[in-house]
Amino acid sequence: MKHINNLAIVDDDDIFVYITKKTIEQTDLVEQIKVFGNGYEAIKFLKENIKNADALPEIILLDLNMPIMDGWAFLEEFVLLKPKTDKKITIYIITSSISPHEMNRAKGITEVSDFIIKPVTKEKFIELLNKL
């Protein structure tokens, strides 16, 4: 089973974040979980640490609907930032939306690995890790 050093949750829903952190912690497969309440905080962190691969997350769980900078705007910024690092960062969109339009839009972005409907269960998280 793959072990992850850093994972980031980018979501403004405190209850979802709390439950997801607890779920991930139960797997004992992630060393550190960073939480960002919107895309702007997350992209700012990535830009500040772009040359420090150890600080960057291997996985980002990204919500689409957030204040300040939503997940779509985050992805636009991430696409520009990605060539500046050698670290492989896998992004999963985690959302409560079941919109076929959003699913298709997400699938059209090569940086997005999967579109997952909330909540994230322990089994689903382990399945994500097995795909890495």
N, C-alpha and C. Protein backbone atom coordinates (compact mmCIF):
# COMPACT_ATOMS: atom_id res chain seq x y z
N MET A 1 0.84 -1.19 0.00
CA MET A 1 0.00 0.00 0.00
C MET A 1 0.88 1.25 0.00
N LYS A 2 0.56 2.17 -0.87
CA LYS A 2 1.33 3.41 -0.98
C LYS A 2 1.13 4.29 0.24
N HIS A 3 2.23 4.83 0.74
CA HIS A 3 2.19 5.75 1.86
C HIS A 3 2.39 7.17 1.32
N ILE A 4 1.61 8.11 1.81
CA ILE A 4 1.64 9.50 1.35
C ILE A 4 2.23 10.37 2.44
N ASN A 5 3.20 11.21 2.06
CA ASN A 5 3.77 12.13 3.04
C ASN A 5 2.88 13.34 3.27
N ASN A 6 2.42 13.97 2.20
CA ASN A 6 1.61 15.18 2.31
C ASN A 6 0.37 15.09 1.44
N LEU A 7 -0.75 15.45 2.04
CA LEU A 7 -2.02 15.51 1.34
C LEU A 7 -2.65 16.85 1.67
N ALA A 8 -3.31 17.46 0.71
CA ALA A 8 -4.00 18.72 0.95
C ALA A 8 -5.49 18.56 0.68
N ILE A 9 -6.29 19.13 1.58
CA ILE A 9 -7.73 19.21 1.38
C ILE A 9 -8.03 20.69 1.13
N VAL A 10 -8.65 20.97 0.01
CA VAL A 10 -9.01 22.35 -0.34
C VAL A 10 -10.54 22.40 -0.37
N ASP A 11 -11.12 22.85 0.74
CA ASP A 11 -12.57 22.84 0.89
C ASP A 11 -12.97 23.80 2.00
N ASP A 12 -14.08 24.51 1.82
CA ASP A 12 -14.54 25.48 2.82
C ASP A 12 -15.56 24.91 3.79
N ASP A 13 -15.94 23.65 3.63
CA ASP A 13 -16.94 23.02 4.49
C ASP A 13 -16.23 22.37 5.68
N ASP A 14 -16.31 23.02 6.84
CA ASP A 14 -15.60 22.55 8.04
C ASP A 14 -16.00 21.14 8.45
N ILE A 15 -17.27 20.81 8.31
CA ILE A 15 -17.73 19.47 8.71
C ILE A 15 -17.15 18.42 7.78
N PHE A 16 -17.19 18.68 6.46
CA PHE A 16 -16.60 17.75 5.51
C PHE A 16 -15.10 17.57 5.78
N VAL A 17 -14.41 18.69 6.02
CA VAL A 17 -12.97 18.64 6.27
C VAL A 17 -12.68 17.79 7.51
N TYR A 18 -13.43 18.03 8.58
CA TYR A 18 -13.22 17.28 9.83
C TYR A 18 -13.42 15.78 9.60
N ILE A 19 -14.54 15.41 8.98
CA ILE A 19 -14.85 14.00 8.75
C ILE A 19 -13.82 13.36 7.82
N THR A 20 -13.44 14.08 6.78
CA THR A 20 -12.48 13.53 5.82
C THR A 20 -11.10 13.35 6.47
N LYS A 21 -10.67 14.33 7.26
CA LYS A 21 -9.39 14.18 7.97
C LYS A 21 -9.41 12.95 8.86
N LYS A 22 -10.49 12.78 9.62
CA LYS A 22 -10.59 11.61 10.51
C LYS A 22 -10.58 10.31 9.72
N THR A 23 -11.29 10.30 8.61
CA THR A 23 -11.33 9.11 7.76
C THR A 23 -9.94 8.76 7.24
N ILE A 24 -9.23 9.77 6.75
CA ILE A 24 -7.88 9.55 6.21
C ILE A 24 -6.92 9.12 7.32
N GLU A 25 -7.02 9.76 8.48
CA GLU A 25 -6.15 9.40 9.61
C GLU A 25 -6.34 7.95 10.03
N GLN A 26 -7.54 7.43 9.91
CA GLN A 26 -7.81 6.03 10.28
C GLN A 26 -7.05 5.04 9.41
N THR A 27 -6.65 5.46 8.22
CA THR A 27 -5.93 4.55 7.33
C THR A 27 -4.46 4.41 7.71
N ASP A 28 -3.92 5.38 8.46
CA ASP A 28 -2.49 5.41 8.80
C ASP A 28 -1.60 5.41 7.56
N LEU A 29 -2.10 5.98 6.47
CA LEU A 29 -1.34 5.99 5.21
C LEU A 29 -0.87 7.38 4.81
N VAL A 30 -1.23 8.40 5.60
CA VAL A 30 -0.85 9.77 5.29
C VAL A 30 -0.15 10.38 6.49
N GLU A 31 1.04 10.92 6.23
CA GLU A 31 1.85 11.51 7.30
C GLU A 31 1.30 12.86 7.75
N GLN A 32 0.99 13.74 6.79
CA GLN A 32 0.56 15.10 7.12
C GLN A 32 -0.59 15.53 6.21
N ILE A 33 -1.62 16.14 6.82
CA ILE A 33 -2.76 16.66 6.06
C ILE A 33 -2.80 18.17 6.25
N LYS A 34 -2.75 18.89 5.13
CA LYS A 34 -2.87 20.34 5.16
C LYS A 34 -4.27 20.70 4.69
N VAL A 35 -4.86 21.71 5.31
CA VAL A 35 -6.21 22.12 4.95
C VAL A 35 -6.20 23.58 4.52
N PHE A 36 -6.86 23.84 3.40
CA PHE A 36 -7.00 25.20 2.87
C PHE A 36 -8.49 25.46 2.66
N GLY A 37 -8.97 26.60 3.11
CA GLY A 37 -10.39 26.92 3.04
C GLY A 37 -10.87 27.41 1.70
N ASN A 38 -9.94 27.68 0.79
CA ASN A 38 -10.32 28.09 -0.56
C ASN A 38 -9.12 27.88 -1.49
N GLY A 39 -9.38 28.01 -2.77
CA GLY A 39 -8.33 27.79 -3.76
C GLY A 39 -7.20 28.79 -3.68
N TYR A 40 -7.51 30.02 -3.28
CA TYR A 40 -6.47 31.05 -3.19
C TYR A 40 -5.43 30.68 -2.14
N GLU A 41 -5.88 30.24 -0.97
CA GLU A 41 -4.93 29.83 0.09
C GLU A 41 -4.05 28.68 -0.40
N ALA A 42 -4.65 27.73 -1.09
CA ALA A 42 -3.91 26.56 -1.57
C ALA A 42 -2.89 26.94 -2.65
N ILE A 43 -3.31 27.75 -3.61
CA ILE A 43 -2.40 28.12 -4.69
C ILE A 43 -1.27 29.00 -4.15
N LYS A 44 -1.58 29.84 -3.19
CA LYS A 44 -0.56 30.68 -2.55
C LYS A 44 0.50 29.79 -1.88
N PHE A 45 0.05 28.76 -1.16
CA PHE A 45 0.96 27.82 -0.53
C PHE A 45 1.83 27.11 -1.57
N LEU A 46 1.22 26.65 -2.65
CA LEU A 46 1.97 25.96 -3.69
C LEU A 46 3.02 26.88 -4.30
N LYS A 47 2.65 28.13 -4.59
CA LYS A 47 3.60 29.07 -5.17
C LYS A 47 4.77 29.34 -4.22
N GLU A 48 4.47 29.49 -2.93
CA GLU A 48 5.51 29.78 -1.94
C GLU A 48 6.46 28.60 -1.75
N ASN A 49 5.99 27.39 -2.02
CA ASN A 49 6.79 26.18 -1.78
C ASN A 49 7.15 25.42 -3.04
N ILE A 50 7.01 26.05 -4.19
CA ILE A 50 7.21 25.36 -5.47
C ILE A 50 8.60 24.75 -5.61
N LYS A 51 9.60 25.34 -4.99
CA LYS A 51 10.96 24.81 -5.06
C LYS A 51 11.28 23.85 -3.91
N ASN A 52 10.33 23.65 -3.02
CA ASN A 52 10.50 22.76 -1.87
C ASN A 52 9.58 21.56 -2.04
N ALA A 53 10.01 20.59 -2.82
CA ALA A 53 9.16 19.44 -3.16
C ALA A 53 8.66 18.69 -1.93
N ASP A 54 9.45 18.66 -0.86
CA ASP A 54 9.04 17.94 0.35
C ASP A 54 7.80 18.56 1.00
N ALA A 55 7.60 19.86 0.82
CA ALA A 55 6.44 20.54 1.42
C ALA A 55 5.19 20.39 0.57
N LEU A 56 5.37 20.10 -0.71
CA LEU A 56 4.23 20.01 -1.62
C LEU A 56 3.45 18.71 -1.41
N PRO A 57 2.13 18.77 -1.58
CA PRO A 57 1.32 17.55 -1.42
C PRO A 57 1.47 16.61 -2.60
N GLU A 58 1.37 15.33 -2.34
CA GLU A 58 1.32 14.35 -3.42
C GLU A 58 -0.10 14.26 -3.97
N ILE A 59 -1.07 14.51 -3.08
CA ILE A 59 -2.49 14.44 -3.45
C ILE A 59 -3.18 15.72 -2.99
N ILE A 60 -4.07 16.23 -3.85
CA ILE A 60 -4.94 17.35 -3.48
C ILE A 60 -6.37 16.89 -3.67
N LEU A 61 -7.17 17.00 -2.60
CA LEU A 61 -8.61 16.77 -2.68
C LEU A 61 -9.25 18.14 -2.82
N LEU A 62 -9.82 18.43 -3.97
CA LEU A 62 -10.25 19.78 -4.33
C LEU A 62 -11.75 19.88 -4.48
N ASP A 63 -12.35 20.78 -3.69
CA ASP A 63 -13.76 21.10 -3.85
C ASP A 63 -13.90 22.10 -4.99
N LEU A 64 -15.06 22.14 -5.61
CA LEU A 64 -15.28 23.08 -6.71
C LEU A 64 -15.90 24.39 -6.25
N ASN A 65 -16.84 24.32 -5.31
CA ASN A 65 -17.60 25.49 -4.91
C ASN A 65 -17.08 26.04 -3.58
N MET A 66 -16.28 27.11 -3.69
CA MET A 66 -15.70 27.76 -2.51
C MET A 66 -15.68 29.27 -2.73
N PRO A 67 -15.62 30.02 -1.65
CA PRO A 67 -15.51 31.47 -1.80
C PRO A 67 -14.08 31.87 -2.19
N ILE A 68 -13.89 33.10 -2.56
CA ILE A 68 -12.61 33.73 -2.90
C ILE A 68 -12.05 33.16 -4.20
N MET A 69 -11.65 31.89 -4.21
CA MET A 69 -11.20 31.23 -5.44
C MET A 69 -11.77 29.82 -5.44
N ASP A 70 -12.63 29.54 -6.42
CA ASP A 70 -13.23 28.21 -6.48
C ASP A 70 -12.27 27.18 -7.09
N GLY A 71 -12.71 25.95 -7.15
CA GLY A 71 -11.85 24.88 -7.65
C GLY A 71 -11.47 25.05 -9.11
N TRP A 72 -12.36 25.60 -9.92
CA TRP A 72 -12.04 25.80 -11.34
C TRP A 72 -10.92 26.82 -11.50
N ALA A 73 -11.01 27.93 -10.76
CA ALA A 73 -9.96 28.96 -10.83
C ALA A 73 -8.65 28.41 -10.29
N PHE A 74 -8.73 27.58 -9.24
CA PHE A 74 -7.53 26.94 -8.71
C PHE A 74 -6.86 26.10 -9.80
N LEU A 75 -7.65 25.32 -10.51
CA LEU A 75 -7.11 24.45 -11.56
C LEU A 75 -6.44 25.26 -12.67
N GLU A 76 -7.03 26.40 -13.03
CA GLU A 76 -6.41 27.26 -14.04
C GLU A 76 -5.02 27.73 -13.58
N GLU A 77 -4.92 28.12 -12.32
CA GLU A 77 -3.63 28.56 -11.76
C GLU A 77 -2.65 27.39 -11.65
N PHE A 78 -3.18 26.24 -11.24
CA PHE A 78 -2.33 25.06 -11.06
C PHE A 78 -1.69 24.63 -12.38
N VAL A 79 -2.45 24.69 -13.46
CA VAL A 79 -1.93 24.31 -14.78
C VAL A 79 -0.71 25.17 -15.13
N LEU A 80 -0.74 26.44 -14.77
CA LEU A 80 0.39 27.34 -15.04
C LEU A 80 1.58 27.06 -14.12
N LEU A 81 1.28 26.62 -12.91
CA LEU A 81 2.30 26.38 -11.89
C LEU A 81 2.98 25.02 -12.06
N LYS A 82 2.27 24.05 -12.54
CA LYS A 82 2.75 22.67 -12.62
C LYS A 82 4.11 22.51 -13.30
N PRO A 83 4.38 23.20 -14.41
CA PRO A 83 5.70 23.01 -15.05
C PRO A 83 6.89 23.49 -14.22
N LYS A 84 6.62 24.22 -13.15
CA LYS A 84 7.71 24.77 -12.33
C LYS A 84 8.21 23.81 -11.26
N THR A 85 7.59 22.63 -11.18
CA THR A 85 8.03 21.64 -10.20
C THR A 85 8.15 20.27 -10.86
N ASP A 86 9.05 19.46 -10.31
CA ASP A 86 9.19 18.08 -10.80
C ASP A 86 8.31 17.12 -10.02
N LYS A 87 7.71 17.60 -8.94
CA LYS A 87 6.90 16.72 -8.09
C LYS A 87 5.57 16.40 -8.76
N LYS A 88 5.22 15.13 -8.73
CA LYS A 88 3.92 14.71 -9.26
C LYS A 88 2.86 14.98 -8.21
N ILE A 89 1.89 15.80 -8.56
CA ILE A 89 0.78 16.13 -7.67
C ILE A 89 -0.50 15.63 -8.34
N THR A 90 -1.21 14.75 -7.65
CA THR A 90 -2.44 14.17 -8.17
C THR A 90 -3.62 14.91 -7.58
N ILE A 91 -4.52 15.37 -8.45
CA ILE A 91 -5.69 16.13 -7.99
C ILE A 91 -6.95 15.30 -8.20
N TYR A 92 -7.73 15.21 -7.13
CA TYR A 92 -9.06 14.60 -7.19
C TYR A 92 -10.07 15.68 -6.86
N ILE A 93 -11.06 15.85 -7.72
CA ILE A 93 -12.15 16.76 -7.39
C ILE A 93 -13.10 16.01 -6.48
N ILE A 94 -13.36 16.62 -5.35
CA ILE A 94 -14.27 16.06 -4.35
C ILE A 94 -15.42 17.04 -4.21
N THR A 95 -16.61 16.64 -4.60
CA THR A 95 -17.72 17.60 -4.62
C THR A 95 -19.04 16.92 -4.29
N SER A 96 -20.00 17.73 -3.93
CA SER A 96 -21.35 17.21 -3.72
C SER A 96 -22.18 17.35 -4.99
N SER A 97 -21.60 17.96 -6.01
CA SER A 97 -22.29 18.17 -7.28
C SER A 97 -22.37 16.86 -8.06
N ILE A 98 -23.54 16.61 -8.62
CA ILE A 98 -23.70 15.45 -9.50
C ILE A 98 -23.97 15.92 -10.93
N SER A 99 -23.60 17.15 -11.21
CA SER A 99 -23.83 17.76 -12.52
C SER A 99 -22.99 17.06 -13.59
N PRO A 100 -23.64 16.51 -14.62
CA PRO A 100 -22.88 15.90 -15.72
C PRO A 100 -21.97 16.93 -16.41
N HIS A 101 -22.41 18.18 -16.47
CA HIS A 101 -21.59 19.23 -17.08
C HIS A 101 -20.27 19.39 -16.32
N GLU A 102 -20.35 19.45 -14.98
CA GLU A 102 -19.12 19.59 -14.18
C GLU A 102 -18.24 18.35 -14.30
N MET A 103 -18.85 17.17 -14.31
CA MET A 103 -18.07 15.94 -14.46
C MET A 103 -17.31 15.94 -15.79
N ASN A 104 -18.00 16.30 -16.86
CA ASN A 104 -17.36 16.34 -18.18
C ASN A 104 -16.29 17.41 -18.25
N ARG A 105 -16.56 18.57 -17.65
CA ARG A 105 -15.57 19.65 -17.63
C ARG A 105 -14.31 19.18 -16.90
N ALA A 106 -14.50 18.51 -15.77
CA ALA A 106 -13.37 18.01 -14.98
C ALA A 106 -12.57 16.97 -15.76
N LYS A 107 -13.27 16.08 -16.45
CA LYS A 107 -12.58 15.04 -17.22
C LYS A 107 -11.78 15.61 -18.37
N GLY A 108 -12.12 16.83 -18.79
CA GLY A 108 -11.39 17.48 -19.86
C GLY A 108 -10.10 18.15 -19.41
N ILE A 109 -9.84 18.15 -18.10
CA ILE A 109 -8.63 18.76 -17.55
C ILE A 109 -7.66 17.64 -17.20
N THR A 110 -6.53 17.59 -17.89
CA THR A 110 -5.61 16.46 -17.71
C THR A 110 -5.04 16.38 -16.30
N GLU A 111 -4.99 17.50 -15.57
CA GLU A 111 -4.45 17.49 -14.21
C GLU A 111 -5.40 16.85 -13.21
N VAL A 112 -6.65 16.64 -13.59
CA VAL A 112 -7.65 16.04 -12.70
C VAL A 112 -7.66 14.53 -12.92
N SER A 113 -7.40 13.78 -11.84
CA SER A 113 -7.35 12.32 -11.95
C SER A 113 -8.71 11.66 -11.85
N ASP A 114 -9.62 12.26 -11.06
CA ASP A 114 -10.94 11.65 -10.90
C ASP A 114 -11.89 12.68 -10.31
N PHE A 115 -13.18 12.42 -10.44
CA PHE A 115 -14.26 13.25 -9.95
C PHE A 115 -15.02 12.40 -8.95
N ILE A 116 -14.97 12.76 -7.69
CA ILE A 116 -15.53 11.93 -6.63
C ILE A 116 -16.65 12.68 -5.92
N ILE A 117 -17.78 12.00 -5.75
CA ILE A 117 -18.92 12.59 -5.05
C ILE A 117 -18.72 12.38 -3.55
N LYS A 118 -18.92 13.48 -2.77
CA LYS A 118 -18.79 13.42 -1.31
C LYS A 118 -19.82 12.46 -0.76
N PRO A 119 -19.54 11.81 0.36
CA PRO A 119 -18.35 11.89 1.21
C PRO A 119 -17.25 10.95 0.73
N VAL A 120 -16.06 11.12 1.30
CA VAL A 120 -14.93 10.24 1.02
C VAL A 120 -14.90 9.19 2.13
N THR A 121 -15.13 7.95 1.75
CA THR A 121 -15.09 6.86 2.73
C THR A 121 -13.66 6.32 2.82
N LYS A 122 -13.41 5.57 3.86
CA LYS A 122 -12.10 4.94 4.05
C LYS A 122 -11.78 4.03 2.85
N GLU A 123 -12.77 3.27 2.41
CA GLU A 123 -12.59 2.35 1.30
C GLU A 123 -12.29 3.12 0.00
N LYS A 124 -13.01 4.22 -0.22
CA LYS A 124 -12.79 5.02 -1.42
C LYS A 124 -11.39 5.64 -1.41
N PHE A 125 -10.96 6.11 -0.23
CA PHE A 125 -9.63 6.70 -0.14
C PHE A 125 -8.55 5.67 -0.42
N ILE A 126 -8.69 4.49 0.13
CA ILE A 126 -7.71 3.42 -0.12
C ILE A 126 -7.71 3.06 -1.61
N GLU A 127 -8.88 3.06 -2.22
CA GLU A 127 -8.97 2.78 -3.67
C GLU A 127 -8.20 3.85 -4.46
N LEU A 128 -8.31 5.12 -4.05
CA LEU A 128 -7.57 6.19 -4.71
C LEU A 128 -6.06 5.95 -4.62
N LEU A 129 -5.61 5.57 -3.43
CA LEU A 129 -4.18 5.32 -3.24
C LEU A 129 -3.70 4.14 -4.08
N ASN A 130 -4.53 3.13 -4.20
CA ASN A 130 -4.15 1.96 -5.00
C ASN A 130 -4.00 2.30 -6.47
N LYS A 131 -4.69 3.35 -6.94
CA LYS A 131 -4.59 3.76 -8.35
C LYS A 131 -3.32 4.55 -8.63
N LEU A 132 -2.68 5.07 -7.59
CA LEU A 132 -1.48 5.90 -7.80
C LEU A 132 -0.31 5.07 -8.33
